[in-house]
Amino acid sequence: MQTCDFWIDATGENGIMSPLLPQRLAAIGTPMQGSIGHIIWTVCYLSVLIGLSAYGIHRYFIIYLYLKNRKRGPAPVRYFEQLPTVTVQLPIFNEVYVAERLLRSVSELDYPRELLQIQVLDDSTDETREITTSRAEELRQQGFNVQLIHRADRTGFKAGALAAGLAAAKGEFVCILDADFVPQKDLLKRTIHFFTDPKVGMIQTRWGHLNRGYSLLTRMQAIFLDGHLLLEQTARSRSGRFFNFNGTAGLWRRSCIEQSGGWQYDTLCEDLDLSYRAQLAGWKFVYLLDVVTPAELPVDMNGFKSQQHRWTKGSVQTCKKLLPTIWRSRLSFPIKLEATGHLMSNFAYLLLAILCILLHPSAGAPQGGWLRTVLIDVPIFLAASASVGLFYICAQRELHPRTWMREILFLPCLLALGIGLSLNNARAVLEALINHKSDFTRTPKYGIERKSQHWRSCKYRPLKSILPLLELAFAVYFSYFVVFAIVHEQFLSVPFLLMFQGGFLYVCLSSFSSRWSRINFGGSRSNAAIPA
């Protein structure tokens, strides 16, 4: 009886890490060894496996860069004797649950009012406009310089709103905050002095999580983002590689934006696009690991999938747009290579989706004995599985030294979620490759900070699709794998197969669950509470 071999890999820059599960199942109707069909399958299978393993190796490199440079924290070259004027831009679109919280938190920033301009870039089409209009007038009466800009034509979506605001901005520096963020009072004073270096064009702070413990979904998102925001951003910024503005919770020098071509909306990741154009133009970026700006994580699976789709598709669009320019530039080879790995990271989802299709019980592979184990199995395991565990363990130990062991208990759930999202994100990659146009779909926010709050009766819902049906089909497909492994006493394989089955099933059922819930909004602007 043949055994099953498994490896796990996690990849993906702007989405959840995704597992890799090559396996060798007992042959049931195995195609004849050496046949054309078997040769084609083997070539495809090994190509996908090698591609995904390369992403695992890249994770090791990120960990190495982080550990090497983690003590090289940035510091301002000097401090402003006279604080400059700052424009705080708040791009908003139908944010009835969080708009008031955002404006309140911005009004509490510890910065001289005469040097602070607040731009409310509200393109809303619902009662959010009433909230922002009323709150803006209240702030004006309190002595704030508040400018409310409403565009009837949402050309360019968020990028278009930011461009319109920049044209009317009074500040030399611009702070951008999305609607679901709640800045700390000292945000501006802890960041603005880095601009005393005239070469610094952008400062990014680390995201925090207002509702980390709200649900299993939010906890998994937090662990994923911790890895990206701690290891990847720190490693790239402190080693001189390119890294990106995360779209919010950061500050820009106005002249940097203008000299780099301004906000453009030919991709869904206007932040990544502008970041690379600015760094190609010679601007320096600063990442402040210790300055945390809290935000609300999506609590709705469909909203989360919509966010992941936009991030994935936008990153691939940016890759197509800028990668040729990067390789034609005079940048050093290490910077070009890391930029390539960064921009191409989400292609891993397409490889993973292909892998899920290639895996089937009839895909028998010849046993190679100890030679195969030494030359193939062990290297793939080290390149894939070990890199995932080490990546997240490192991130959680750094951020949560007292509770990191408890946090990494959720790692199998995170890997399963990555598998379940593979179809959603692979579709995003394909849409970008074939130049399929789609709108900037906002992620619904409900003002959720505590477990005693709920969102199912709220008014916002992401767009529907038939993708959950395909995810259900894959869940059933991998259920057969589980039964097959049990029947053939391949018990070591079962936990890994359950991650595939459980990942697709969890994403599918969570997607259907939010659709089954009935809207019971009743016109209220605040979240109703339910007993804890």
Protein backbone atom coordinates (compact mmCIF):
# COMPACT_ATOMS: atom_id res chain seq x y z
CA MET A 1 0.00 0.00 0.00
CA GLN A 2 1.33 3.41 -0.92
CA THR A 3 1.58 6.19 1.63
CA CYS A 4 0.61 9.86 1.41
CA ASP A 5 3.26 12.55 1.53
CA PHE A 6 2.25 16.09 2.58
CA TRP A 7 3.92 19.46 2.72
CA ILE A 8 2.47 22.80 3.65
CA ASP A 9 3.40 26.20 2.29
CA ALA A 10 2.05 29.65 3.04
CA THR A 11 2.27 32.46 0.56
CA GLY A 12 0.46 35.64 -0.40
CA GLU A 13 1.41 39.25 0.21
CA ASN A 14 -1.97 40.94 0.56
CA GLY A 15 -4.09 37.96 1.56
CA ILE A 16 -4.16 34.95 3.88
CA MET A 17 -1.29 32.48 3.64
CA SER A 18 -2.16 29.39 1.63
CA PRO A 19 -1.16 25.78 2.27
CA LEU A 20 0.58 23.49 -0.21
CA LEU A 21 -0.33 19.86 -0.06
CA PRO A 22 1.40 17.64 -2.59
CA GLN A 23 0.41 14.08 -1.91
CA ARG A 24 0.80 10.56 -3.18
CA LEU A 25 -2.34 8.48 -2.72
CA ALA A 26 -2.81 4.79 -3.33
CA ALA A 27 -3.46 4.25 -6.98
CA ILE A 28 -7.06 3.71 -7.98
CA GLY A 29 -7.10 3.43 -11.71
CA THR A 30 -3.66 5.07 -11.81
CA PRO A 31 -2.74 6.08 -15.34
CA MET A 32 -0.09 3.88 -16.85
CA GLN A 33 3.36 5.11 -15.90
CA GLY A 34 5.00 6.73 -18.91
CA SER A 35 1.75 7.48 -20.72
CA ILE A 36 1.25 10.91 -22.27
CA GLY A 37 -1.44 11.79 -19.71
CA HIS A 38 0.79 10.83 -16.80
CA ILE A 39 3.73 12.79 -18.21
CA ILE A 40 1.59 15.93 -18.64
CA TRP A 41 0.20 15.55 -15.12
CA THR A 42 3.69 15.06 -13.66
CA VAL A 43 5.09 18.14 -15.41
CA CYS A 44 2.17 20.32 -14.25
CA TYR A 45 2.29 18.88 -10.74
CA LEU A 46 6.01 19.41 -10.28
CA SER A 47 5.86 22.89 -11.81
CA VAL A 48 3.20 23.98 -9.33
CA LEU A 49 5.06 22.34 -6.47
CA ILE A 50 8.34 24.06 -7.35
CA GLY A 51 6.60 27.41 -7.76
CA LEU A 52 4.92 27.21 -4.37
CA SER A 53 8.12 26.03 -2.72
CA ALA A 54 9.87 29.13 -4.04
CA TYR A 55 7.42 31.26 -2.07
CA GLY A 56 8.26 29.26 1.04
CA ILE A 57 11.95 29.95 0.53
CA HIS A 58 11.12 33.64 0.16
CA ARG A 59 9.54 33.51 3.62
CA TYR A 60 12.85 32.36 5.05
CA PHE A 61 14.53 35.32 3.42
CA ILE A 62 11.99 37.75 4.93
CA ILE A 63 12.59 36.25 8.38
CA TYR A 64 16.34 36.58 7.87
CA LEU A 65 16.04 40.25 6.84
CA TYR A 66 13.82 40.97 9.82
CA LEU A 67 16.10 39.34 12.38
CA LYS A 68 19.14 41.04 10.87
CA ASN A 69 17.60 44.52 10.90
CA ARG A 70 15.06 44.50 13.72
CA LYS A 71 17.24 46.63 16.01
CA ARG A 72 17.88 49.26 13.36
CA GLY A 73 14.85 51.37 14.16
CA PRO A 74 14.45 54.70 12.32
CA ALA A 75 14.81 58.05 14.05
CA PRO A 76 14.17 61.63 12.86
CA VAL A 77 17.26 63.48 11.68
CA ARG A 78 16.00 66.42 13.75
CA TYR A 79 12.74 67.94 15.04
CA PHE A 80 10.66 70.72 13.54
CA GLU A 81 11.09 73.98 15.44
CA GLN A 82 7.76 75.08 14.02
CA LEU A 83 5.25 72.33 13.33
CA PRO A 84 4.00 72.27 9.71
CA THR A 85 0.41 72.30 8.53
CA VAL A 86 -1.08 68.83 8.09
CA THR A 87 -4.15 67.88 6.08
CA VAL A 88 -5.97 64.80 7.38
CA GLN A 89 -7.87 63.13 4.53
CA LEU A 90 -10.81 60.86 5.40
CA PRO A 91 -12.06 58.97 2.31
CA ILE A 92 -15.60 57.79 3.09
CA PHE A 93 -18.24 55.94 1.11
CA ASN A 94 -21.44 54.73 2.83
CA GLU A 95 -19.93 54.35 6.31
CA VAL A 96 -22.99 54.96 8.46
CA TYR A 97 -21.66 52.89 11.38
CA VAL A 98 -18.15 54.30 11.68
CA ALA A 99 -18.16 57.82 10.21
CA GLU A 100 -18.97 59.55 13.48
CA ARG A 101 -16.36 57.52 15.38
CA LEU A 102 -13.73 58.46 12.80
CA LEU A 103 -14.46 62.19 12.95
CA ARG A 104 -14.52 62.14 16.74
CA SER A 105 -11.14 60.42 16.95
CA VAL A 106 -9.58 62.82 14.43
CA SER A 107 -10.86 65.81 16.41
CA GLU A 108 -9.00 64.43 19.44
CA LEU A 109 -5.59 64.39 17.72
CA ASP A 110 -2.96 66.19 19.77
CA TYR A 111 -1.95 68.77 17.18
CA PRO A 112 -2.45 72.56 17.03
CA ARG A 113 -5.86 73.27 15.52
CA GLU A 114 -4.54 76.18 13.50
CA LEU A 115 -2.12 73.78 11.78
CA LEU A 116 -4.68 71.02 11.15
CA GLN A 117 -7.01 70.75 8.17
CA ILE A 118 -9.59 67.96 8.15
CA GLN A 119 -10.87 66.89 4.74
CA VAL A 120 -13.98 64.72 4.78
CA LEU A 121 -13.96 63.13 1.32
CA ASP A 122 -17.49 61.77 1.45
CA ASP A 123 -18.79 60.18 -1.75
CA SER A 124 -21.67 58.49 0.09
CA THR A 125 -25.07 57.86 -1.41
CA ASP A 126 -26.89 57.07 1.85
CA GLU A 127 -27.50 58.71 5.24
CA THR A 128 -23.76 58.81 5.90
CA ARG A 129 -23.84 62.23 4.23
CA GLU A 130 -26.17 63.52 6.93
CA ILE A 131 -23.79 62.28 9.64
CA THR A 132 -20.68 63.79 8.08
CA THR A 133 -22.41 67.09 7.32
CA SER A 134 -23.71 67.42 10.87
CA ARG A 135 -20.45 66.35 12.51
CA ALA A 136 -18.35 68.60 10.23
CA GLU A 137 -20.45 71.61 11.21
CA GLU A 138 -20.03 70.77 14.90
CA LEU A 139 -16.26 70.62 14.50
CA ARG A 140 -16.21 73.97 12.67
CA GLN A 141 -18.05 75.52 15.60
CA GLN A 142 -15.33 74.12 17.86
CA GLY A 143 -12.66 75.92 15.85
CA PHE A 144 -11.52 73.17 13.47
CA ASN A 145 -10.78 73.77 9.81
CA VAL A 146 -13.05 71.15 8.25
CA GLN A 147 -13.62 70.83 4.52
CA LEU A 148 -16.41 68.55 3.32
CA ILE A 149 -16.01 67.40 -0.29
CA HIS A 150 -18.75 65.36 -1.94
CA ARG A 151 -18.40 64.03 -5.49
CA ALA A 152 -21.54 63.07 -7.33
CA ASP A 153 -19.35 61.28 -9.88
CA ARG A 154 -17.17 58.64 -8.17
CA THR A 155 -14.59 58.48 -10.96
CA GLY A 156 -11.50 56.72 -9.66
CA PHE A 157 -13.26 55.66 -6.45
CA LYS A 158 -10.92 56.12 -3.46
CA ALA A 159 -7.98 57.24 -5.62
CA GLY A 160 -10.20 59.81 -7.31
CA ALA A 161 -11.43 61.10 -3.95
CA LEU A 162 -7.88 61.45 -2.65
CA ALA A 163 -6.82 63.29 -5.81
CA ALA A 164 -9.76 65.68 -5.53
CA GLY A 165 -8.91 66.34 -1.90
CA LEU A 166 -5.23 66.90 -2.62
CA ALA A 167 -6.10 69.62 -5.11
CA ALA A 168 -7.81 71.56 -2.30
CA ALA A 169 -5.43 70.59 0.54
CA LYS A 170 -3.71 73.34 2.54
CA GLY A 171 -1.08 71.15 4.21
CA GLU A 172 2.41 70.34 3.01
CA PHE A 173 1.87 66.90 4.51
CA VAL A 174 -1.17 64.62 4.20
CA CYS A 175 -2.37 61.99 6.68
CA ILE A 176 -4.78 59.40 5.25
CA LEU A 177 -7.19 57.47 7.48
CA ASP A 178 -9.82 55.01 6.25
CA ALA A 179 -13.22 55.04 7.90
CA ASP A 180 -12.63 51.98 10.10
CA PHE A 181 -9.47 53.38 11.74
CA VAL A 182 -9.25 55.06 15.14
CA PRO A 183 -5.97 57.00 15.38
CA GLN A 184 -4.15 57.45 18.67
CA LYS A 185 -4.06 61.04 19.92
CA ASP A 186 -0.29 61.33 19.45
CA LEU A 187 -0.24 59.94 15.90
CA LEU A 188 0.87 63.16 14.19
CA LYS A 189 3.43 64.23 16.79
CA ARG A 190 5.10 60.79 16.71
CA THR A 191 5.38 60.79 12.92
CA ILE A 192 5.66 64.31 11.53
CA HIS A 193 9.29 64.89 12.56
CA PHE A 194 10.56 62.17 10.23
CA PHE A 195 9.76 64.60 7.41
CA THR A 196 12.66 66.80 8.54
CA ASP A 197 14.62 64.58 6.16
CA PRO A 198 13.73 66.14 2.78
CA LYS A 199 14.16 62.77 1.05
CA VAL A 200 11.38 61.09 3.08
CA GLY A 201 8.17 60.94 1.08
CA MET A 202 5.95 58.60 3.11
CA ILE A 203 5.61 57.34 6.68
CA GLN A 204 3.59 54.20 7.43
CA THR A 205 2.41 53.16 10.90
CA ARG A 206 1.52 49.63 11.94
CA TRP A 207 -2.12 48.62 12.03
CA GLY A 208 -3.66 47.49 15.29
CA HIS A 209 -6.84 45.45 15.69
CA LEU A 210 -9.86 46.83 17.55
CA ASN A 211 -11.79 43.56 17.41
CA ARG A 212 -9.06 40.90 17.33
CA GLY A 213 -10.91 38.53 19.66
CA TYR A 214 -14.40 39.05 18.24
CA SER A 215 -14.54 35.76 16.34
CA LEU A 216 -12.42 33.02 14.87
CA LEU A 217 -12.37 34.91 11.58
CA THR A 218 -11.08 38.15 13.10
CA ARG A 219 -8.44 36.33 15.14
CA MET A 220 -7.11 34.57 12.03
CA GLN A 221 -7.01 37.86 10.14
CA ALA A 222 -5.08 39.47 12.99
CA ILE A 223 -2.46 36.70 12.98
CA PHE A 224 -2.03 37.03 9.24
CA LEU A 225 -1.73 40.80 9.33
CA ASP A 226 0.71 40.62 12.22
CA GLY A 227 3.00 38.57 10.01
CA HIS A 228 2.79 41.03 7.13
CA LEU A 229 2.95 44.22 9.19
CA LEU A 230 5.70 43.07 11.52
CA LEU A 231 8.01 40.84 9.47
CA GLU A 232 7.52 41.89 5.86
CA GLN A 233 7.17 45.64 6.28
CA THR A 234 9.97 45.87 8.85
CA ALA A 235 12.31 43.61 6.88
CA ARG A 236 11.86 45.50 3.63
CA SER A 237 11.96 49.01 5.07
CA ARG A 238 15.02 48.54 7.27
CA SER A 239 17.01 46.65 4.65
CA GLY A 240 16.54 49.30 1.96
CA ARG A 241 14.07 47.27 -0.15
CA PHE A 242 10.85 48.68 -1.55
CA PHE A 243 7.78 48.44 0.65
CA ASN A 244 4.31 49.84 0.27
CA PHE A 245 1.94 52.31 1.83
CA ASN A 246 -0.92 50.21 3.20
CA GLY A 247 -3.61 52.60 1.97
CA THR A 248 -4.29 54.16 5.37
CA ALA A 249 -2.72 55.05 8.74
CA GLY A 250 0.18 56.81 7.05
CA LEU A 251 1.43 60.25 6.04
CA TRP A 252 2.63 61.55 2.69
CA ARG A 253 4.68 64.54 1.67
CA ARG A 254 2.46 66.33 -0.80
CA SER A 255 5.30 67.03 -3.23
CA CYS A 256 6.17 63.32 -3.23
CA ILE A 257 2.68 62.43 -4.43
CA GLU A 258 2.69 65.13 -7.10
CA GLN A 259 6.20 64.43 -8.40
CA SER A 260 5.49 60.69 -8.58
CA GLY A 261 2.52 61.07 -10.89
CA GLY A 262 -0.26 61.56 -8.35
CA TRP A 263 -3.07 59.20 -7.45
CA GLN A 264 -3.91 56.98 -10.42
CA TYR A 265 -6.85 54.61 -10.66
CA ASP A 266 -5.91 52.15 -13.39
CA THR A 267 -5.40 49.52 -10.66
CA LEU A 268 -7.43 48.55 -7.59
CA CYS A 269 -4.37 49.06 -5.38
CA GLU A 270 -3.71 52.77 -5.82
CA ASP A 271 -1.61 52.70 -2.63
CA LEU A 272 0.77 49.98 -3.88
CA ASP A 273 0.97 51.64 -7.30
CA LEU A 274 1.91 55.08 -5.94
CA SER A 275 4.33 53.54 -3.43
CA TYR A 276 6.40 51.89 -6.12
CA ARG A 277 6.29 54.90 -8.44
CA ALA A 278 7.50 57.16 -5.63
CA GLN A 279 10.35 54.85 -4.65
CA LEU A 280 11.34 54.47 -8.29
CA ALA A 281 11.57 58.27 -8.37
CA GLY A 282 14.05 58.18 -5.49
CA TRP A 283 11.87 58.96 -2.46
CA LYS A 284 12.58 57.29 0.88
CA PHE A 285 9.88 55.60 2.93
CA VAL A 286 9.81 55.07 6.71
CA TYR A 287 7.97 52.29 8.52
CA LEU A 288 7.24 52.89 12.21
CA LEU A 289 6.71 49.52 13.84
CA ASP A 290 6.07 50.97 17.30
CA VAL A 291 3.43 53.50 16.25
CA VAL A 292 0.16 51.57 16.16
CA THR A 293 -3.07 52.81 14.57
CA PRO A 294 -6.02 50.53 15.50
CA ALA A 295 -8.61 49.45 12.95
CA GLU A 296 -11.66 47.24 12.65
CA LEU A 297 -11.22 43.83 11.03
CA PRO A 298 -14.01 42.55 8.73
CA VAL A 299 -16.43 40.33 10.65
CA ASP A 300 -18.38 39.13 7.61
CA MET A 301 -16.87 36.36 5.46
CA ASN A 302 -18.27 37.84 2.24
CA GLY A 303 -16.86 41.24 3.12
CA PHE A 304 -13.51 39.68 3.92
CA LYS A 305 -13.49 37.79 0.62
CA SER A 306 -14.34 40.99 -1.23
CA GLN A 307 -11.41 42.74 0.46
CA GLN A 308 -9.06 39.87 -0.37
CA HIS A 309 -10.24 39.85 -3.99
CA ARG A 310 -9.57 43.58 -4.34
CA TRP A 311 -6.12 43.40 -2.72
CA THR A 312 -5.11 40.38 -4.80
CA LYS A 313 -6.38 41.72 -8.11
CA GLY A 314 -4.91 45.17 -7.48
CA SER A 315 -1.48 43.79 -6.65
CA VAL A 316 -1.38 41.75 -9.87
CA GLN A 317 -2.51 44.80 -11.87
CA THR A 318 0.30 46.81 -10.28
CA CYS A 319 2.74 44.02 -11.05
CA LYS A 320 1.81 44.11 -14.75
CA LYS A 321 2.01 47.89 -14.78
CA LEU A 322 5.33 48.47 -13.00
CA LEU A 323 7.45 45.32 -13.06
CA PRO A 324 8.94 46.07 -16.52
CA THR A 325 9.84 49.59 -15.34
CA ILE A 326 11.50 48.19 -12.23
CA TRP A 327 13.73 45.86 -14.26
CA ARG A 328 14.65 48.64 -16.70
CA SER A 329 15.67 50.94 -13.85
CA ARG A 330 19.13 51.33 -12.35
CA LEU A 331 18.12 49.77 -9.06
CA SER A 332 20.41 47.14 -7.59
CA PHE A 333 19.67 43.51 -8.38
CA PRO A 334 18.64 42.61 -4.78
CA ILE A 335 16.06 45.41 -4.76
CA LYS A 336 14.71 44.36 -8.16
CA LEU A 337 14.50 40.74 -7.09
CA GLU A 338 12.68 41.50 -3.83
CA ALA A 339 10.30 43.86 -5.61
CA THR A 340 9.51 41.04 -8.04
CA GLY A 341 8.81 38.63 -5.20
CA HIS A 342 6.63 41.22 -3.52
CA LEU A 343 4.55 42.13 -6.56
CA MET A 344 4.17 38.53 -7.76
CA SER A 345 3.33 37.04 -4.37
CA ASN A 346 -0.38 36.61 -5.03
CA PHE A 347 0.23 34.39 -8.05
CA ALA A 348 0.64 31.70 -5.40
CA TYR A 349 -3.15 31.57 -5.08
CA LEU A 350 -3.48 30.61 -8.71
CA LEU A 351 -0.89 27.88 -8.22
CA LEU A 352 -2.71 26.61 -5.15
CA ALA A 353 -6.04 26.47 -6.98
CA ILE A 354 -4.37 24.50 -9.79
CA LEU A 355 -2.85 22.18 -7.20
CA CYS A 356 -6.27 21.48 -5.69
CA ILE A 357 -7.44 20.39 -9.14
CA LEU A 358 -4.37 18.24 -9.77
CA LEU A 359 -4.78 16.38 -6.50
CA HIS A 360 -6.89 13.28 -6.99
CA PRO A 361 -6.68 9.66 -5.88
CA SER A 362 -5.79 8.43 -9.36
CA ALA A 363 -2.71 10.68 -9.40
CA GLY A 364 -0.38 7.95 -8.31
CA ALA A 365 3.34 8.64 -8.30
CA PRO A 366 6.08 6.08 -8.27
CA GLN A 367 7.82 5.33 -5.01
CA GLY A 368 11.41 6.49 -4.98
CA GLY A 369 12.54 5.05 -1.67
CA TRP A 370 15.17 6.86 0.38
CA LEU A 371 16.58 8.66 -2.65
CA ARG A 372 13.25 10.38 -3.36
CA THR A 373 12.90 11.23 0.33
CA VAL A 374 16.35 12.84 0.51
CA LEU A 375 16.23 14.64 -2.84
CA ILE A 376 12.57 15.69 -2.99
CA ASP A 377 10.47 15.07 0.14
CA VAL A 378 12.79 16.60 2.75
CA PRO A 379 13.76 19.71 0.71
CA ILE A 380 10.11 20.43 -0.13
CA PHE A 381 9.08 19.98 3.49
CA LEU A 382 11.80 22.35 4.69
CA ALA A 383 11.03 24.90 2.00
CA ALA A 384 7.31 24.81 2.65
CA SER A 385 6.00 23.57 6.00
CA ALA A 386 8.82 24.78 8.20
CA SER A 387 8.81 28.25 6.65
CA VAL A 388 5.12 28.73 7.48
CA GLY A 389 5.45 27.73 11.09
CA LEU A 390 8.60 29.76 11.62
CA PHE A 391 7.11 32.83 9.93
CA TYR A 392 4.08 33.06 12.21
CA ILE A 393 5.84 31.88 15.34
CA CYS A 394 8.43 34.61 14.86
CA ALA A 395 5.76 37.28 14.37
CA GLN A 396 3.67 36.25 17.36
CA ARG A 397 6.69 35.91 19.66
CA GLU A 398 7.80 39.42 18.78
CA LEU A 399 4.40 41.06 19.17
CA HIS A 400 2.93 38.93 21.97
CA PRO A 401 5.83 37.58 24.05
CA ARG A 402 3.53 36.41 26.86
CA THR A 403 0.71 34.88 24.83
CA TRP A 404 2.37 33.82 21.56
CA MET A 405 1.98 30.09 22.25
CA ARG A 406 -1.76 30.54 22.64
CA GLU A 407 -1.94 32.57 19.43
CA ILE A 408 -0.15 30.01 17.26
CA LEU A 409 -2.65 27.35 18.28
CA PHE A 410 -4.82 29.01 15.64
CA LEU A 411 -2.23 28.36 12.92
CA PRO A 412 -4.02 25.26 11.50
CA CYS A 413 -7.20 27.34 11.26
CA LEU A 414 -5.30 30.08 9.44
CA LEU A 415 -3.90 27.59 6.95
CA ALA A 416 -7.36 26.10 6.40
CA LEU A 417 -8.79 29.57 5.79
CA GLY A 418 -6.04 30.21 3.24
CA ILE A 419 -7.06 27.06 1.38
CA GLY A 420 -10.71 28.05 1.46
CA LEU A 421 -9.86 31.47 -0.01
CA SER A 422 -7.73 30.05 -2.82
CA LEU A 423 -10.57 29.98 -5.37
CA ASN A 424 -11.67 33.52 -4.52
CA ASN A 425 -8.16 34.91 -4.87
CA ALA A 426 -7.22 32.78 -7.88
CA ARG A 427 -10.20 34.30 -9.67
CA ALA A 428 -8.81 37.75 -8.80
CA VAL A 429 -5.44 36.83 -10.31
CA LEU A 430 -7.06 35.60 -13.52
CA GLU A 431 -9.23 38.72 -13.81
CA ALA A 432 -6.13 40.89 -13.55
CA LEU A 433 -4.24 38.82 -16.11
CA ILE A 434 -7.02 39.07 -18.71
CA ASN A 435 -7.67 42.77 -17.95
CA HIS A 436 -11.18 42.17 -16.67
CA LYS A 437 -12.43 45.48 -15.28
CA SER A 438 -14.24 45.71 -11.96
CA ASP A 439 -15.24 48.47 -9.58
CA PHE A 440 -13.54 49.29 -6.29
CA THR A 441 -15.78 47.34 -3.91
CA ARG A 442 -15.62 48.69 -0.37
CA THR A 443 -15.41 46.34 2.59
CA PRO A 444 -18.50 46.74 4.84
CA LYS A 445 -17.69 48.09 8.31
CA TYR A 446 -20.10 47.88 11.21
CA GLY A 447 -18.33 49.61 14.10
CA ILE A 448 -17.71 46.24 15.79
CA GLU A 449 -15.31 46.44 18.73
CA ARG A 450 -16.84 44.11 21.34
CA LYS A 451 -18.28 40.61 21.33
CA SER A 452 -21.58 42.00 22.62
CA GLN A 453 -22.16 43.71 19.28
CA HIS A 454 -23.58 42.04 16.19
CA TRP A 455 -23.64 42.84 12.50
CA ARG A 456 -26.15 40.49 10.88
CA SER A 457 -29.01 42.99 11.08
CA CYS A 458 -26.92 45.79 9.55
CA LYS A 459 -27.71 47.25 6.16
CA TYR A 460 -24.49 46.76 4.20
CA ARG A 461 -23.85 43.60 2.25
CA PRO A 462 -21.07 42.76 -0.22
CA LEU A 463 -21.86 41.65 -3.76
CA LYS A 464 -23.14 38.12 -4.20
CA SER A 465 -21.51 35.47 -6.38
CA ILE A 466 -21.81 31.79 -7.16
CA LEU A 467 -18.32 31.09 -5.81
CA PRO A 468 -19.59 29.51 -2.53
CA LEU A 469 -21.17 26.74 -4.60
CA LEU A 470 -17.79 25.93 -6.13
CA GLU A 471 -16.21 26.04 -2.68
CA LEU A 472 -18.86 23.59 -1.50
CA ALA A 473 -18.01 21.29 -4.40
CA PHE A 474 -14.35 21.33 -3.38
CA ALA A 475 -15.31 20.61 0.23
CA VAL A 476 -17.23 17.52 -0.93
CA TYR A 477 -14.33 16.60 -3.23
CA PHE A 478 -11.85 16.64 -0.35
CA SER A 479 -14.28 14.80 1.89
CA TYR A 480 -13.73 11.87 -0.45
CA PHE A 481 -9.98 12.27 0.13
CA VAL A 482 -10.53 12.01 3.88
CA VAL A 483 -12.64 8.87 3.56
CA PHE A 484 -10.13 7.37 1.15
CA ALA A 485 -7.24 7.97 3.57
CA ILE A 486 -9.14 6.44 6.48
CA VAL A 487 -10.23 3.38 4.52
CA HIS A 488 -6.65 2.75 3.38
CA GLU A 489 -5.28 3.38 6.90
CA GLN A 490 -3.29 6.46 5.86
CA PHE A 491 -4.01 8.10 9.20
CA LEU A 492 -1.09 10.53 9.13
CA SER A 493 -2.67 12.09 6.06
CA VAL A 494 -6.05 12.73 7.67
CA PRO A 495 -5.21 15.93 9.64
CA PHE A 496 -3.81 17.59 6.52
CA LEU A 497 -6.72 16.51 4.36
CA LEU A 498 -9.12 17.82 6.97
CA MET A 499 -7.55 21.26 6.58
CA PHE A 500 -8.46 21.21 2.88
CA GLN A 501 -11.94 19.89 3.54
CA GLY A 502 -12.50 22.16 6.54
CA GLY A 503 -11.09 25.24 4.82
CA PHE A 504 -13.42 25.07 1.85
CA LEU A 505 -16.36 24.08 4.06
CA TYR A 506 -15.78 26.91 6.55
CA VAL A 507 -15.46 29.59 3.86
CA CYS A 508 -18.46 28.22 1.98
CA LEU A 509 -20.81 27.94 4.98
CA SER A 510 -19.70 31.31 6.38
CA SER A 511 -20.45 32.90 3.00
CA PHE A 512 -23.93 31.37 2.92
CA SER A 513 -24.54 32.22 6.56
CA SER A 514 -24.29 35.96 6.03
CA ARG A 515 -26.69 35.73 3.10
CA TRP A 516 -29.29 33.76 5.03
CA SER A 517 -29.47 36.38 7.78
CA ARG A 518 -32.35 38.80 7.32
CA ILE A 519 -31.88 42.55 7.34
CA ASN A 520 -33.54 44.11 10.37
CA PHE A 521 -31.98 47.53 10.26
CA GLY A 522 -34.96 49.65 11.23
CA GLY A 523 -33.20 52.94 10.49
CA SER A 524 -30.88 52.85 13.50
CA ARG A 525 -27.42 54.33 13.04
CA SER A 526 -25.80 52.40 15.86
CA ASN A 527 -25.17 48.72 16.35
CA ALA A 528 -27.75 46.96 18.42
CA ALA A 529 -26.30 44.94 21.27
CA ILE A 530 -27.13 41.38 22.12
CA PRO A 531 -26.57 39.71 25.48
CA ALA A 532 -22.93 38.75 26.01
